[in-house]
Amino acid sequence: MAADVRRPLPRSFFVRPVLTVAPDLLGRLLVRDTDAGRTVLRITEVEAYDGTNDPGSHAFRGQTPRNSTMFGAAGHLYVYFTYGMHHCVNVVCSPPGKASAVLVRAGEIVEGLPLARDRRPNARRDTELAQGPARLTVALGIGRADDGVDACTAGTGFRLLRGTPAAADTVRTGPRTGVGGDGAGHPWRFHIADDPTVSPYRAHVPRTRRAPHSP
């Protein structure tokens, strides 16, 4: 890759409104270094979450121990555990206290394919290795222990690089996957058109409670 492609994104890139950062992350590179080796992801799909202004955000009702990273400095990673089985990784945006973040939903493994395949042995094709936020964190070896890591500082195991930004005419937008309620209509999911690594869109399905058994 060209040297410019490998240039780290500065923190100022992330200290911007989340709806500016989110589409601008498409085509960028997320580097993950572990003792097992390096994996590099080209980001192809993201979703924006606008903190206390967004009913779909974890931060909508304010700061908690779980979401405290979102209220911190831009360029850090917010990693959370969901549905009792999956991790998801986000990049914190805006100044401290704003609590906005971009969920990295999908991407293409462009370096470290053997390592990603070892982590995701059930993937039928390489395009499926990081096709969706839960698959992505497994392919990159990301877990809850990585919450709060600074991706703008060398030596932390993560870096976000310039890559090749997606051309504006290839960026598509629509509602976020699985978001219901007042946040359902926000067209804050961004992806690269026709990229095979983008995850299928799924609308929110309300949970239904089972009727109590008759005595």
C-alpha atoms as a PDB file:
ATOM      1  CA  MET A   1       0.000   0.000   0.000  1.00  0.00           C
ATOM      2  CA  ALA A   2       1.070   3.571  -0.656  1.00  0.00           C
ATOM      3  CA  ALA A   3       2.603   5.436   2.270  1.00  0.00           C
ATOM      4  CA  ASP A   4      -0.222   7.996   2.321  1.00  0.00           C
ATOM      5  CA  VAL A   5      -2.774   5.202   2.724  1.00  0.00           C
ATOM      6  CA  ARG A   6      -0.925   4.086   5.875  1.00  0.00           C
ATOM      7  CA  ARG A   7      -0.902   7.530   7.474  1.00  0.00           C
ATOM      8  CA  PRO A   8      -2.725   7.513  10.861  1.00  0.00           C
ATOM      9  CA  LEU A   9      -5.857   9.612  11.131  1.00  0.00           C
ATOM     10  CA  PRO A  10      -5.314  12.469  13.614  1.00  0.00           C
ATOM     11  CA  ARG A  11      -7.561  12.908  16.630  1.00  0.00           C
ATOM     12  CA  SER A  12      -8.968  16.050  15.000  1.00  0.00           C
ATOM     13  CA  PHE A  13     -10.591  13.770  12.394  1.00  0.00           C
ATOM     14  CA  PHE A  14     -12.860  12.405  15.131  1.00  0.00           C
ATOM     15  CA  VAL A  15     -13.503  15.689  16.987  1.00  0.00           C
ATOM     16  CA  ARG A  16     -16.273  16.494  14.518  1.00  0.00           C
ATOM     17  CA  PRO A  17     -20.041  15.900  14.428  1.00  0.00           C
ATOM     18  CA  VAL A  18     -20.799  12.186  14.284  1.00  0.00           C
ATOM     19  CA  LEU A  19     -22.810  12.551  11.063  1.00  0.00           C
ATOM     20  CA  THR A  20     -19.711  14.018   9.422  1.00  0.00           C
ATOM     21  CA  VAL A  21     -17.321  11.385  10.755  1.00  0.00           C
ATOM     22  CA  ALA A  22     -19.490   8.325  10.017  1.00  0.00           C
ATOM     23  CA  PRO A  23     -19.565   8.444   6.186  1.00  0.00           C
ATOM     24  CA  ASP A  24     -15.967   9.679   6.162  1.00  0.00           C
ATOM     25  CA  LEU A  25     -14.861   6.451   7.873  1.00  0.00           C
ATOM     26  CA  LEU A  26     -15.855   4.380   4.825  1.00  0.00           C
ATOM     27  CA  GLY A  27     -12.726   3.138   3.091  1.00  0.00           C
ATOM     28  CA  ARG A  28     -10.513   3.861   6.101  1.00  0.00           C
ATOM     29  CA  LEU A  29      -8.372   1.142   7.687  1.00  0.00           C
ATOM     30  CA  LEU A  30      -8.727  -0.263  11.196  1.00  0.00           C
ATOM     31  CA  VAL A  31      -5.495  -1.959  12.272  1.00  0.00           C
ATOM     32  CA  ARG A  32      -5.564  -4.546  15.064  1.00  0.00           C
ATOM     33  CA  ASP A  33      -2.296  -5.862  16.523  1.00  0.00           C
ATOM     34  CA  THR A  34      -2.211  -8.799  18.949  1.00  0.00           C
ATOM     35  CA  ASP A  35       0.424 -11.311  20.027  1.00  0.00           C
ATOM     36  CA  ALA A  36      -0.964 -13.576  17.298  1.00  0.00           C
ATOM     37  CA  GLY A  37      -0.290 -11.017  14.561  1.00  0.00           C
ATOM     38  CA  ARG A  38      -1.838  -8.138  12.655  1.00  0.00           C
ATOM     39  CA  THR A  39      -5.231  -7.904  10.968  1.00  0.00           C
ATOM     40  CA  VAL A  40      -6.328  -4.885   8.932  1.00  0.00           C
ATOM     41  CA  LEU A  41      -9.934  -4.059   8.077  1.00  0.00           C
ATOM     42  CA  ARG A  42     -11.144  -1.768   5.271  1.00  0.00           C
ATOM     43  CA  ILE A  43     -14.330  -0.256   6.681  1.00  0.00           C
ATOM     44  CA  THR A  44     -17.361  -0.647   4.371  1.00  0.00           C
ATOM     45  CA  GLU A  45     -20.365  -0.079   6.662  1.00  0.00           C
ATOM     46  CA  VAL A  46     -21.004   2.104   9.723  1.00  0.00           C
ATOM     47  CA  GLU A  47     -23.817   3.593  11.800  1.00  0.00           C
ATOM     48  CA  ALA A  48     -23.883   6.940  13.612  1.00  0.00           C
ATOM     49  CA  TYR A  49     -25.198   7.336  17.178  1.00  0.00           C
ATOM     50  CA  ASP A  50     -25.658  10.896  18.449  1.00  0.00           C
ATOM     51  CA  GLY A  51     -25.556  10.519  22.219  1.00  0.00           C
ATOM     52  CA  THR A  52     -28.169  12.317  24.296  1.00  0.00           C
ATOM     53  CA  ASN A  53     -29.827  13.643  21.116  1.00  0.00           C
ATOM     54  CA  ASP A  54     -30.507  10.137  19.806  1.00  0.00           C
ATOM     55  CA  PRO A  55     -33.063   7.698  21.285  1.00  0.00           C
ATOM     56  CA  GLY A  56     -31.184   4.867  19.564  1.00  0.00           C
ATOM     57  CA  SER A  57     -27.936   5.627  21.405  1.00  0.00           C
ATOM     58  CA  HIS A  58     -26.684   3.937  24.571  1.00  0.00           C
ATOM     59  CA  ALA A  59     -25.963   7.443  25.886  1.00  0.00           C
ATOM     60  CA  PHE A  60     -29.477   8.836  25.361  1.00  0.00           C
ATOM     61  CA  ARG A  61     -30.355   8.742  29.074  1.00  0.00           C
ATOM     62  CA  GLY A  62     -26.956   9.895  30.280  1.00  0.00           C
ATOM     63  CA  GLN A  63     -23.710   8.411  31.513  1.00  0.00           C
ATOM     64  CA  THR A  64     -23.488   4.961  33.114  1.00  0.00           C
ATOM     65  CA  PRO A  65     -20.571   2.647  33.930  1.00  0.00           C
ATOM     66  CA  ARG A  66     -21.287   0.749  30.707  1.00  0.00           C
ATOM     67  CA  ASN A  67     -21.243   3.738  28.335  1.00  0.00           C
ATOM     68  CA  SER A  68     -18.728   5.987  30.102  1.00  0.00           C
ATOM     69  CA  THR A  69     -16.190   5.685  27.255  1.00  0.00           C
ATOM     70  CA  MET A  70     -18.651   7.466  24.956  1.00  0.00           C
ATOM     71  CA  PHE A  71     -18.430  10.561  27.150  1.00  0.00           C
ATOM     72  CA  GLY A  72     -14.641  10.694  26.920  1.00  0.00           C
ATOM     73  CA  ALA A  73     -12.107  11.775  24.329  1.00  0.00           C
ATOM     74  CA  ALA A  74     -12.601  11.292  20.605  1.00  0.00           C
ATOM     75  CA  GLY A  75     -10.617   8.561  18.885  1.00  0.00           C
ATOM     76  CA  HIS A  76     -11.098   6.035  21.683  1.00  0.00           C
ATOM     77  CA  LEU A  77     -12.933   2.755  21.141  1.00  0.00           C
ATOM     78  CA  TYR A  78     -16.229   2.001  22.827  1.00  0.00           C
ATOM     79  CA  VAL A  79     -16.674  -1.779  23.007  1.00  0.00           C
ATOM     80  CA  TYR A  80     -19.840  -3.248  24.478  1.00  0.00           C
ATOM     81  CA  PHE A  81     -21.339  -6.699  25.000  1.00  0.00           C
ATOM     82  CA  THR A  82     -24.846  -7.307  23.653  1.00  0.00           C
ATOM     83  CA  TYR A  83     -27.470 -10.050  23.670  1.00  0.00           C
ATOM     84  CA  GLY A  84     -25.292 -11.961  26.127  1.00  0.00           C
ATOM     85  CA  MET A  85     -23.044 -13.228  23.335  1.00  0.00           C
ATOM     86  CA  HIS A  86     -21.646 -10.538  20.993  1.00  0.00           C
ATOM     87  CA  HIS A  87     -19.184  -7.636  21.161  1.00  0.00           C
ATOM     88  CA  CYS A  88     -19.482  -4.505  19.017  1.00  0.00           C
ATOM     89  CA  VAL A  89     -16.840  -1.823  18.438  1.00  0.00           C
ATOM     90  CA  ASN A  90     -17.459   1.906  18.034  1.00  0.00           C
ATOM     91  CA  VAL A  91     -15.225   4.940  17.542  1.00  0.00           C
ATOM     92  CA  VAL A  92     -15.968   7.871  19.868  1.00  0.00           C
ATOM     93  CA  CYS A  93     -16.496  11.227  18.130  1.00  0.00           C
ATOM     94  CA  SER A  94     -17.011  14.886  19.046  1.00  0.00           C
ATOM     95  CA  PRO A  95     -15.548  16.726  22.087  1.00  0.00           C
ATOM     96  CA  PRO A  96     -15.620  15.067  25.544  1.00  0.00           C
ATOM     97  CA  GLY A  97     -19.097  15.052  27.048  1.00  0.00           C
ATOM     98  CA  LYS A  98     -20.926  14.859  23.718  1.00  0.00           C
ATOM     99  CA  ALA A  99     -21.073  11.033  23.832  1.00  0.00           C
ATOM    100  CA  SER A 100     -21.491  10.364  20.119  1.00  0.00           C
ATOM    101  CA  ALA A 101     -19.932   7.340  18.422  1.00  0.00           C
ATOM    102  CA  VAL A 102     -19.753   5.446  15.134  1.00  0.00           C
ATOM    103  CA  LEU A 103     -20.499   1.725  15.161  1.00  0.00           C
ATOM    104  CA  VAL A 104     -18.186  -0.152  12.777  1.00  0.00           C
ATOM    105  CA  ARG A 105     -20.643  -2.620  11.242  1.00  0.00           C
ATOM    106  CA  ALA A 106     -18.705  -4.376   8.473  1.00  0.00           C
ATOM    107  CA  GLY A 107     -15.546  -4.434   6.416  1.00  0.00           C
ATOM    108  CA  GLU A 108     -13.063  -6.303   4.272  1.00  0.00           C
ATOM    109  CA  ILE A 109     -10.030  -8.019   5.788  1.00  0.00           C
ATOM    110  CA  VAL A 110      -7.171  -6.700   3.644  1.00  0.00           C
ATOM    111  CA  GLU A 111      -4.280  -7.983   5.763  1.00  0.00           C
ATOM    112  CA  GLY A 112      -4.014 -10.944   8.101  1.00  0.00           C
ATOM    113  CA  LEU A 113      -6.497 -13.181   6.306  1.00  0.00           C
ATOM    114  CA  PRO A 114      -5.139 -16.452   7.776  1.00  0.00           C
ATOM    115  CA  LEU A 115      -5.523 -15.087  11.307  1.00  0.00           C
ATOM    116  CA  ALA A 116      -9.061 -13.821  10.627  1.00  0.00           C
ATOM    117  CA  ARG A 117      -9.988 -17.187   9.111  1.00  0.00           C
ATOM    118  CA  ASP A 118      -8.696 -18.978  12.216  1.00  0.00           C
ATOM    119  CA  ARG A 119     -10.869 -16.755  14.384  1.00  0.00           C
ATOM    120  CA  ARG A 120     -13.923 -17.227  12.143  1.00  0.00           C
ATOM    121  CA  PRO A 121     -13.698 -20.871  10.989  1.00  0.00           C
ATOM    122  CA  ASN A 122     -17.404 -21.037  10.119  1.00  0.00           C
ATOM    123  CA  ALA A 123     -17.200 -18.265   7.519  1.00  0.00           C
ATOM    124  CA  ARG A 124     -17.945 -19.747   4.102  1.00  0.00           C
ATOM    125  CA  ARG A 125     -16.288 -16.922   2.174  1.00  0.00           C
ATOM    126  CA  ASP A 126     -13.724 -14.249   3.005  1.00  0.00           C
ATOM    127  CA  THR A 127     -16.390 -11.596   2.349  1.00  0.00           C
ATOM    128  CA  GLU A 128     -18.256 -12.966   5.398  1.00  0.00           C
ATOM    129  CA  LEU A 129     -15.343 -12.734   7.834  1.00  0.00           C
ATOM    130  CA  ALA A 130     -16.338  -9.261   9.092  1.00  0.00           C
ATOM    131  CA  GLN A 131     -19.822  -8.963   7.583  1.00  0.00           C
ATOM    132  CA  GLY A 132     -21.713  -7.582  10.566  1.00  0.00           C
ATOM    133  CA  PRO A 133     -20.570  -6.049  13.872  1.00  0.00           C
ATOM    134  CA  ALA A 134     -20.365  -9.298  15.873  1.00  0.00           C
ATOM    135  CA  ARG A 135     -18.453 -11.159  13.160  1.00  0.00           C
ATOM    136  CA  LEU A 136     -16.149  -8.156  12.787  1.00  0.00           C
ATOM    137  CA  THR A 137     -15.054  -8.134  16.416  1.00  0.00           C
ATOM    138  CA  VAL A 138     -14.397 -11.881  16.332  1.00  0.00           C
ATOM    139  CA  ALA A 139     -12.361 -11.607  13.109  1.00  0.00           C
ATOM    140  CA  LEU A 140     -10.241  -8.830  14.634  1.00  0.00           C
ATOM    141  CA  GLY A 141      -9.973 -10.367  18.098  1.00  0.00           C
ATOM    142  CA  ILE A 142     -11.770  -7.508  19.867  1.00  0.00           C
ATOM    143  CA  GLY A 143     -13.380  -7.952  23.284  1.00  0.00           C
ATOM    144  CA  ARG A 144     -14.724  -5.983  26.222  1.00  0.00           C
ATOM    145  CA  ALA A 145     -11.188  -5.557  27.575  1.00  0.00           C
ATOM    146  CA  ASP A 146     -10.538  -3.240  24.607  1.00  0.00           C
ATOM    147  CA  ASP A 147     -13.174  -0.733  25.725  1.00  0.00           C
ATOM    148  CA  GLY A 148     -11.575   2.683  26.144  1.00  0.00           C
ATOM    149  CA  VAL A 149      -8.440   1.973  24.101  1.00  0.00           C
ATOM    150  CA  ASP A 150      -7.017   5.035  22.329  1.00  0.00           C
ATOM    151  CA  ALA A 151      -6.856   4.273  18.599  1.00  0.00           C
ATOM    152  CA  CYS A 152      -5.011   7.539  17.925  1.00  0.00           C
ATOM    153  CA  THR A 153      -1.920   6.592  19.932  1.00  0.00           C
ATOM    154  CA  ALA A 154       0.802   4.168  18.823  1.00  0.00           C
ATOM    155  CA  GLY A 155       1.400   1.037  20.854  1.00  0.00           C
ATOM    156  CA  THR A 156      -2.197   0.464  22.009  1.00  0.00           C
ATOM    157  CA  GLY A 157      -2.906  -2.416  19.613  1.00  0.00           C
ATOM    158  CA  PHE A 158      -5.217  -0.312  17.444  1.00  0.00           C
ATOM    159  CA  ARG A 159      -4.744   2.390  14.801  1.00  0.00           C
ATOM    160  CA  LEU A 160      -7.104   4.019  12.347  1.00  0.00           C
ATOM    161  CA  LEU A 161      -5.377   4.836   9.071  1.00  0.00           C
ATOM    162  CA  ARG A 162      -6.269   7.091   6.171  1.00  0.00           C
ATOM    163  CA  GLY A 163      -6.823   4.283   3.666  1.00  0.00           C
ATOM    164  CA  THR A 164      -8.691   5.248   0.491  1.00  0.00           C
ATOM    165  CA  PRO A 165     -11.818   7.225   1.390  1.00  0.00           C
ATOM    166  CA  ALA A 166     -14.965   6.045  -0.379  1.00  0.00           C
ATOM    167  CA  ALA A 167     -15.997   8.244  -3.301  1.00  0.00           C
ATOM    168  CA  ALA A 168     -19.058  10.322  -2.461  1.00  0.00           C
ATOM    169  CA  ASP A 169     -21.098   8.813  -5.300  1.00  0.00           C
ATOM    170  CA  THR A 170     -20.594   5.293  -3.870  1.00  0.00           C
ATOM    171  CA  VAL A 171     -21.891   6.094  -0.373  1.00  0.00           C
ATOM    172  CA  ARG A 172     -25.436   4.981   0.418  1.00  0.00           C
ATOM    173  CA  THR A 173     -27.511   5.790   3.486  1.00  0.00           C
ATOM    174  CA  GLY A 174     -30.611   4.430   5.173  1.00  0.00           C
ATOM    175  CA  PRO A 175     -32.142   3.537   8.544  1.00  0.00           C
ATOM    176  CA  ARG A 176     -29.993   1.825  11.133  1.00  0.00           C
ATOM    177  CA  THR A 177     -30.186  -1.927  11.542  1.00  0.00           C
ATOM    178  CA  GLY A 178     -32.439  -3.141  14.345  1.00  0.00           C
ATOM    179  CA  VAL A 179     -33.144   0.322  15.816  1.00  0.00           C
ATOM    180  CA  GLY A 180     -36.744   0.854  16.893  1.00  0.00           C
ATOM    181  CA  GLY A 181     -38.766   3.502  18.689  1.00  0.00           C
ATOM    182  CA  ASP A 182     -38.134   7.202  18.093  1.00  0.00           C
ATOM    183  CA  GLY A 183     -34.707   6.480  16.573  1.00  0.00           C
ATOM    184  CA  ALA A 184     -35.989   4.096  13.905  1.00  0.00           C
ATOM    185  CA  GLY A 185     -36.373   6.643  11.143  1.00  0.00           C
ATOM    186  CA  HIS A 186     -32.922   8.214  11.333  1.00  0.00           C
ATOM    187  CA  PRO A 187     -31.071   7.481   8.038  1.00  0.00           C
ATOM    188  CA  TRP A 188     -27.737   7.139   9.838  1.00  0.00           C
ATOM    189  CA  ARG A 189     -26.478   3.849   8.400  1.00  0.00           C
ATOM    190  CA  PHE A 190     -23.801   4.456   5.765  1.00  0.00           C
ATOM    191  CA  HIS A 191     -22.250   1.864   3.474  1.00  0.00           C
ATOM    192  CA  ILE A 192     -20.335   1.484   0.222  1.00  0.00           C
ATOM    193  CA  ALA A 193     -22.697   0.567  -2.601  1.00  0.00           C
ATOM    194  CA  ASP A 194     -22.445  -2.980  -3.981  1.00  0.00           C
ATOM    195  CA  ASP A 195     -19.596  -3.970  -1.670  1.00  0.00           C
ATOM    196  CA  PRO A 196     -19.943  -7.707  -0.931  1.00  0.00           C
ATOM    197  CA  THR A 197     -18.825  -7.322   2.697  1.00  0.00           C
ATOM    198  CA  VAL A 198     -21.730  -5.037   3.685  1.00  0.00           C
ATOM    199  CA  SER A 199     -24.195  -6.760   6.026  1.00  0.00           C
ATOM    200  CA  PRO A 200     -27.861  -7.281   5.096  1.00  0.00           C
ATOM    201  CA  TYR A 201     -30.230  -4.640   6.437  1.00  0.00           C
ATOM    202  CA  ARG A 202     -32.663  -5.872   9.081  1.00  0.00           C
ATOM    203  CA  ALA A 203     -35.460  -3.727  10.465  1.00  0.00           C
ATOM    204  CA  HIS A 204     -36.234  -3.632  14.163  1.00  0.00           C
ATOM    205  CA  VAL A 205     -38.482  -6.429  15.384  1.00  0.00           C
ATOM    206  CA  PRO A 206     -40.233  -5.578  18.668  1.00  0.00           C
ATOM    207  CA  ARG A 207     -39.861  -8.161  21.388  1.00  0.00           C
ATOM    208  CA  THR A 208     -43.111  -9.773  22.404  1.00  0.00           C
ATOM    209  CA  ARG A 209     -43.830 -11.049  25.869  1.00  0.00           C
ATOM    210  CA  ARG A 210     -45.333 -14.464  26.242  1.00  0.00           C
ATOM    211  CA  ALA A 211     -48.785 -14.579  27.776  1.00  0.00           C
ATOM    212  CA  PRO A 212     -48.769 -15.988  31.316  1.00  0.00           C
ATOM    213  CA  HIS A 213     -49.840 -19.587  31.703  1.00  0.00           C
ATOM    214  CA  SER A 214     -53.360 -20.140  32.922  1.00  0.00           C
ATOM    215  CA  PRO A 215     -53.565 -21.438  36.470  1.00  0.00           C
END
